[in-house]
N, C-alpha and C. Protein backbone atom coordinates (compact mmCIF):
# COMPACT_ATOMS: atom_id res chain seq x y z
N UNK A 1 -105.80 181.59 -21.87
CA UNK A 1 -105.99 180.17 -21.70
C UNK A 1 -104.73 179.41 -22.09
N UNK A 2 -104.10 179.77 -23.21
CA UNK A 2 -102.91 179.06 -23.64
C UNK A 2 -101.75 179.28 -22.66
N UNK A 3 -101.68 180.47 -22.07
CA UNK A 3 -100.65 180.74 -21.07
C UNK A 3 -100.85 179.82 -19.86
N UNK A 4 -102.07 179.59 -19.45
CA UNK A 4 -102.38 178.71 -18.32
C UNK A 4 -101.98 177.28 -18.64
N UNK A 5 -102.27 176.82 -19.86
CA UNK A 5 -101.89 175.47 -20.26
C UNK A 5 -100.38 175.30 -20.30
N UNK A 6 -99.67 176.34 -20.75
CA UNK A 6 -98.21 176.27 -20.77
C UNK A 6 -97.65 176.17 -19.35
N UNK A 7 -98.23 176.90 -18.45
CA UNK A 7 -97.78 176.85 -17.05
C UNK A 7 -98.07 175.48 -16.46
N UNK A 8 -99.25 174.95 -16.71
CA UNK A 8 -99.62 173.63 -16.19
C UNK A 8 -98.71 172.56 -16.78
N UNK A 9 -98.49 172.61 -18.09
CA UNK A 9 -97.64 171.64 -18.75
C UNK A 9 -96.20 171.74 -18.25
N UNK A 10 -95.71 172.96 -18.10
CA UNK A 10 -94.35 173.16 -17.58
C UNK A 10 -94.21 172.61 -16.17
N UNK A 11 -95.21 172.87 -15.34
CA UNK A 11 -95.19 172.36 -13.96
C UNK A 11 -95.23 170.84 -13.95
N UNK A 12 -96.03 170.26 -14.82
CA UNK A 12 -96.14 168.80 -14.88
C UNK A 12 -94.81 168.19 -15.31
N UNK A 13 -94.14 168.79 -16.30
CA UNK A 13 -92.86 168.29 -16.76
C UNK A 13 -91.78 168.40 -15.68
N UNK A 14 -91.76 169.51 -14.99
CA UNK A 14 -90.78 169.71 -13.91
C UNK A 14 -91.03 168.70 -12.79
N UNK A 15 -92.29 168.50 -12.44
CA UNK A 15 -92.64 167.53 -11.39
C UNK A 15 -92.26 166.12 -11.81
N UNK A 16 -92.54 165.76 -13.06
CA UNK A 16 -92.20 164.42 -13.54
C UNK A 16 -90.70 164.21 -13.54
N UNK A 17 -89.93 165.21 -13.95
CA UNK A 17 -88.48 165.10 -13.95
C UNK A 17 -87.94 164.95 -12.53
N UNK A 18 -88.51 165.71 -11.60
CA UNK A 18 -88.07 165.62 -10.20
C UNK A 18 -88.39 164.25 -9.62
N UNK A 19 -89.58 163.74 -9.92
CA UNK A 19 -89.94 162.42 -9.40
C UNK A 19 -89.09 161.31 -10.00
N UNK A 20 -88.72 161.47 -11.25
CA UNK A 20 -87.88 160.46 -11.90
C UNK A 20 -86.46 160.50 -11.35
N UNK A 21 -85.99 161.66 -10.93
CA UNK A 21 -84.62 161.81 -10.43
C UNK A 21 -84.47 161.33 -8.99
N UNK A 22 -85.54 161.26 -8.23
CA UNK A 22 -85.44 160.88 -6.82
C UNK A 22 -84.78 159.52 -6.62
N UNK A 23 -85.17 158.46 -7.32
CA UNK A 23 -84.48 157.18 -7.11
C UNK A 23 -83.00 157.23 -7.47
N UNK A 24 -82.63 158.01 -8.46
CA UNK A 24 -81.23 158.12 -8.85
C UNK A 24 -80.42 158.81 -7.76
N UNK A 25 -81.03 159.69 -7.03
CA UNK A 25 -80.34 160.41 -5.97
C UNK A 25 -80.32 159.64 -4.65
N UNK A 26 -81.16 158.65 -4.53
CA UNK A 26 -81.21 157.88 -3.29
C UNK A 26 -79.92 157.08 -3.12
N UNK A 27 -79.45 157.04 -1.90
CA UNK A 27 -78.22 156.28 -1.60
C UNK A 27 -78.56 154.81 -1.49
N UNK A 28 -77.80 153.99 -2.17
CA UNK A 28 -78.04 152.55 -2.14
C UNK A 28 -77.31 151.97 -0.94
N UNK A 29 -78.08 151.34 -0.05
CA UNK A 29 -77.49 150.74 1.14
C UNK A 29 -76.89 149.39 0.78
N UNK A 30 -75.73 149.07 1.36
CA UNK A 30 -75.14 147.76 1.08
C UNK A 30 -75.99 146.65 1.67
N UNK A 31 -75.96 145.50 1.02
CA UNK A 31 -76.72 144.35 1.51
C UNK A 31 -76.13 143.90 2.84
N UNK A 32 -76.98 143.51 3.78
CA UNK A 32 -76.45 143.04 5.06
C UNK A 32 -75.65 141.75 4.87
N UNK A 33 -74.63 141.59 5.67
CA UNK A 33 -73.77 140.42 5.58
C UNK A 33 -73.85 139.67 6.91
N UNK A 34 -74.07 138.38 6.84
CA UNK A 34 -74.09 137.55 8.03
C UNK A 34 -72.73 136.90 8.18
N UNK A 35 -72.20 136.89 9.40
CA UNK A 35 -70.89 136.34 9.66
C UNK A 35 -70.97 135.42 10.86
N UNK A 36 -70.25 134.32 10.80
CA UNK A 36 -70.13 133.41 11.94
C UNK A 36 -68.68 132.98 12.04
N UNK A 37 -68.10 133.10 13.21
CA UNK A 37 -66.71 132.70 13.42
C UNK A 37 -66.72 131.33 14.09
N UNK A 38 -65.96 130.42 13.52
CA UNK A 38 -65.87 129.06 14.04
C UNK A 38 -64.54 128.94 14.78
N UNK A 39 -64.61 128.70 16.07
CA UNK A 39 -63.39 128.56 16.87
C UNK A 39 -62.84 127.15 16.73
N UNK A 40 -61.53 127.08 16.53
CA UNK A 40 -60.88 125.79 16.31
C UNK A 40 -59.74 125.54 17.29
N UNK A 41 -59.48 126.49 18.18
CA UNK A 41 -58.31 126.37 19.05
C UNK A 41 -58.37 125.15 19.97
N UNK A 42 -59.59 124.67 20.27
CA UNK A 42 -59.71 123.51 21.15
C UNK A 42 -59.76 122.19 20.39
N UNK A 43 -59.60 122.24 19.06
CA UNK A 43 -59.69 121.03 18.25
C UNK A 43 -58.30 120.56 17.80
N UNK A 44 -58.12 119.27 17.76
CA UNK A 44 -56.92 118.67 17.19
C UNK A 44 -57.26 118.31 15.74
N UNK A 45 -56.93 119.20 14.83
CA UNK A 45 -57.32 119.01 13.43
C UNK A 45 -56.48 117.96 12.70
N UNK A 46 -55.49 117.42 13.38
CA UNK A 46 -54.73 116.33 12.77
C UNK A 46 -55.38 114.98 13.04
N UNK A 47 -56.43 114.96 13.87
CA UNK A 47 -57.14 113.71 14.15
C UNK A 47 -58.48 113.68 13.41
N UNK A 48 -58.97 112.47 13.16
CA UNK A 48 -60.28 112.32 12.51
C UNK A 48 -61.39 112.92 13.36
N UNK A 49 -61.31 112.69 14.67
CA UNK A 49 -62.35 113.22 15.58
C UNK A 49 -62.37 114.75 15.55
N UNK A 50 -61.21 115.36 15.52
CA UNK A 50 -61.13 116.82 15.47
C UNK A 50 -61.69 117.38 14.18
N UNK A 51 -61.38 116.71 13.07
CA UNK A 51 -61.91 117.16 11.77
C UNK A 51 -63.42 116.95 11.68
N UNK A 52 -63.92 115.86 12.26
CA UNK A 52 -65.38 115.64 12.28
C UNK A 52 -66.06 116.72 13.11
N UNK A 53 -65.48 117.06 14.26
CA UNK A 53 -66.06 118.12 15.10
C UNK A 53 -66.04 119.46 14.37
N UNK A 54 -64.96 119.72 13.62
CA UNK A 54 -64.90 120.95 12.83
C UNK A 54 -66.01 120.96 11.78
N UNK A 55 -66.25 119.83 11.12
CA UNK A 55 -67.33 119.76 10.13
C UNK A 55 -68.69 120.04 10.77
N UNK A 56 -68.91 119.53 11.98
CA UNK A 56 -70.16 119.79 12.70
C UNK A 56 -70.29 121.29 12.97
N UNK A 57 -69.20 121.89 13.45
CA UNK A 57 -69.23 123.33 13.74
C UNK A 57 -69.46 124.15 12.47
N UNK A 58 -68.81 123.75 11.39
CA UNK A 58 -69.00 124.47 10.12
C UNK A 58 -70.44 124.35 9.63
N UNK A 59 -71.02 123.17 9.74
CA UNK A 59 -72.41 122.97 9.31
C UNK A 59 -73.36 123.82 10.16
N UNK A 60 -73.12 123.87 11.48
CA UNK A 60 -73.95 124.69 12.36
C UNK A 60 -73.81 126.18 12.02
N UNK A 61 -72.59 126.61 11.75
CA UNK A 61 -72.36 128.01 11.40
C UNK A 61 -73.01 128.34 10.06
N UNK A 62 -72.96 127.41 9.10
CA UNK A 62 -73.61 127.64 7.80
C UNK A 62 -75.11 127.79 7.98
N UNK A 63 -75.72 126.99 8.87
CA UNK A 63 -77.15 127.13 9.14
C UNK A 63 -77.44 128.52 9.74
N UNK A 64 -76.56 128.96 10.63
CA UNK A 64 -76.73 130.26 11.27
C UNK A 64 -76.61 131.39 10.24
N UNK A 65 -75.63 131.28 9.36
CA UNK A 65 -75.37 132.33 8.37
C UNK A 65 -76.46 132.38 7.31
N UNK A 66 -76.89 131.22 6.82
CA UNK A 66 -77.82 131.18 5.69
C UNK A 66 -79.28 131.20 6.11
N UNK A 67 -79.56 130.92 7.35
CA UNK A 67 -80.94 130.94 7.82
C UNK A 67 -81.72 129.72 7.37
N UNK A 68 -83.03 129.82 7.49
CA UNK A 68 -83.92 128.73 7.13
C UNK A 68 -85.03 129.26 6.24
N UNK A 69 -85.70 128.36 5.60
CA UNK A 69 -86.86 128.73 4.77
C UNK A 69 -88.02 127.84 5.19
N UNK A 70 -89.20 128.35 5.02
CA UNK A 70 -90.41 127.61 5.33
C UNK A 70 -90.50 126.35 4.48
N UNK A 71 -91.08 125.29 5.02
CA UNK A 71 -91.26 124.06 4.26
C UNK A 71 -92.13 124.28 3.03
N UNK A 72 -92.98 125.28 3.06
CA UNK A 72 -93.85 125.55 1.91
C UNK A 72 -93.17 126.42 0.85
N UNK A 73 -91.98 126.93 1.16
CA UNK A 73 -91.26 127.81 0.23
C UNK A 73 -90.14 127.00 -0.45
N UNK A 74 -90.48 126.34 -1.55
CA UNK A 74 -89.51 125.47 -2.22
C UNK A 74 -88.35 126.27 -2.82
N UNK A 75 -88.63 127.41 -3.38
CA UNK A 75 -87.56 128.24 -3.94
C UNK A 75 -86.64 128.73 -2.82
N UNK A 76 -87.22 129.12 -1.70
CA UNK A 76 -86.43 129.55 -0.56
C UNK A 76 -85.57 128.42 -0.02
N UNK A 77 -86.12 127.22 0.05
CA UNK A 77 -85.37 126.05 0.50
C UNK A 77 -84.17 125.82 -0.42
N UNK A 78 -84.39 125.96 -1.72
CA UNK A 78 -83.32 125.76 -2.69
C UNK A 78 -82.22 126.81 -2.50
N UNK A 79 -82.62 128.07 -2.27
CA UNK A 79 -81.65 129.14 -2.05
C UNK A 79 -80.83 128.89 -0.78
N UNK A 80 -81.51 128.47 0.28
CA UNK A 80 -80.82 128.20 1.55
C UNK A 80 -79.82 127.06 1.36
N UNK A 81 -80.22 126.01 0.67
CA UNK A 81 -79.34 124.86 0.43
C UNK A 81 -78.12 125.29 -0.38
N UNK A 82 -78.34 126.11 -1.42
CA UNK A 82 -77.23 126.59 -2.24
C UNK A 82 -76.31 127.49 -1.41
N UNK A 83 -76.89 128.32 -0.57
CA UNK A 83 -76.09 129.19 0.30
C UNK A 83 -75.22 128.35 1.22
N UNK A 84 -75.81 127.35 1.86
CA UNK A 84 -75.05 126.50 2.79
C UNK A 84 -73.92 125.78 2.06
N UNK A 85 -74.21 125.24 0.89
CA UNK A 85 -73.16 124.54 0.13
C UNK A 85 -72.03 125.49 -0.23
N UNK A 86 -72.38 126.70 -0.66
CA UNK A 86 -71.37 127.70 -1.03
C UNK A 86 -70.55 128.12 0.19
N UNK A 87 -71.22 128.38 1.29
CA UNK A 87 -70.54 128.82 2.50
C UNK A 87 -69.61 127.73 3.02
N UNK A 88 -70.08 126.49 3.03
CA UNK A 88 -69.24 125.38 3.50
C UNK A 88 -68.02 125.20 2.60
N UNK A 89 -68.21 125.29 1.30
CA UNK A 89 -67.08 125.15 0.38
C UNK A 89 -66.04 126.24 0.62
N UNK A 90 -66.51 127.48 0.80
CA UNK A 90 -65.59 128.59 1.06
C UNK A 90 -64.88 128.41 2.40
N UNK A 91 -65.62 128.01 3.42
CA UNK A 91 -65.04 127.86 4.76
C UNK A 91 -63.98 126.76 4.78
N UNK A 92 -64.25 125.68 4.09
CA UNK A 92 -63.28 124.57 4.07
C UNK A 92 -62.03 124.96 3.30
N UNK A 93 -62.15 125.89 2.37
CA UNK A 93 -60.99 126.34 1.59
C UNK A 93 -60.17 127.40 2.32
N UNK A 94 -60.78 128.04 3.32
CA UNK A 94 -60.11 129.13 4.05
C UNK A 94 -59.04 128.59 4.98
N UNK A 95 -58.09 129.45 5.29
CA UNK A 95 -57.07 129.13 6.29
C UNK A 95 -57.69 129.22 7.68
N UNK A 96 -56.98 128.79 8.69
CA UNK A 96 -57.48 128.79 10.07
C UNK A 96 -57.50 130.21 10.59
N UNK A 97 -58.41 130.61 11.43
CA UNK A 97 -59.67 129.95 11.74
C UNK A 97 -60.68 130.22 10.64
N UNK A 98 -61.53 129.26 10.34
CA UNK A 98 -62.52 129.46 9.29
C UNK A 98 -63.52 130.55 9.66
N UNK A 99 -63.84 131.38 8.73
CA UNK A 99 -64.85 132.43 8.92
C UNK A 99 -65.88 132.25 7.82
N UNK A 100 -67.15 132.16 8.20
CA UNK A 100 -68.22 131.99 7.23
C UNK A 100 -68.87 133.32 6.96
N UNK A 101 -68.99 133.67 5.69
CA UNK A 101 -69.59 134.93 5.30
C UNK A 101 -70.55 134.66 4.15
N UNK A 102 -71.74 135.24 4.23
CA UNK A 102 -72.70 135.12 3.13
C UNK A 102 -73.58 136.36 3.11
N UNK A 103 -74.07 136.72 1.87
CA UNK A 103 -75.03 137.76 1.75
C UNK A 103 -76.35 137.26 2.21
N UNK A 104 -77.14 138.20 2.81
CA UNK A 104 -78.45 137.81 3.28
C UNK A 104 -79.33 137.46 2.13
N UNK A 105 -80.09 136.44 2.40
CA UNK A 105 -80.98 135.96 1.34
C UNK A 105 -82.38 136.28 1.70
């Protein structure tokens, strides 16, 4: 009887160790990245109209990159707004042509 219990206990410990090791062995996939390229070659960025059009394009690209959240999801709305603000700030700081990049939310 004690030999049987030792075998059962040993098997249980080996199984538990194997199950605990599985997540550590799993390969972690990188988070998907959303990218939007804003074309500026047709804009005169030295004019107010050209800069306004660039801002419109950047805002549209930020919406595309960051996505939307349901009106009932207040936390999601806040995350999307923060993502758009971050993406726009980065894009405006970038050299030409602006490229918008954000992690998926």
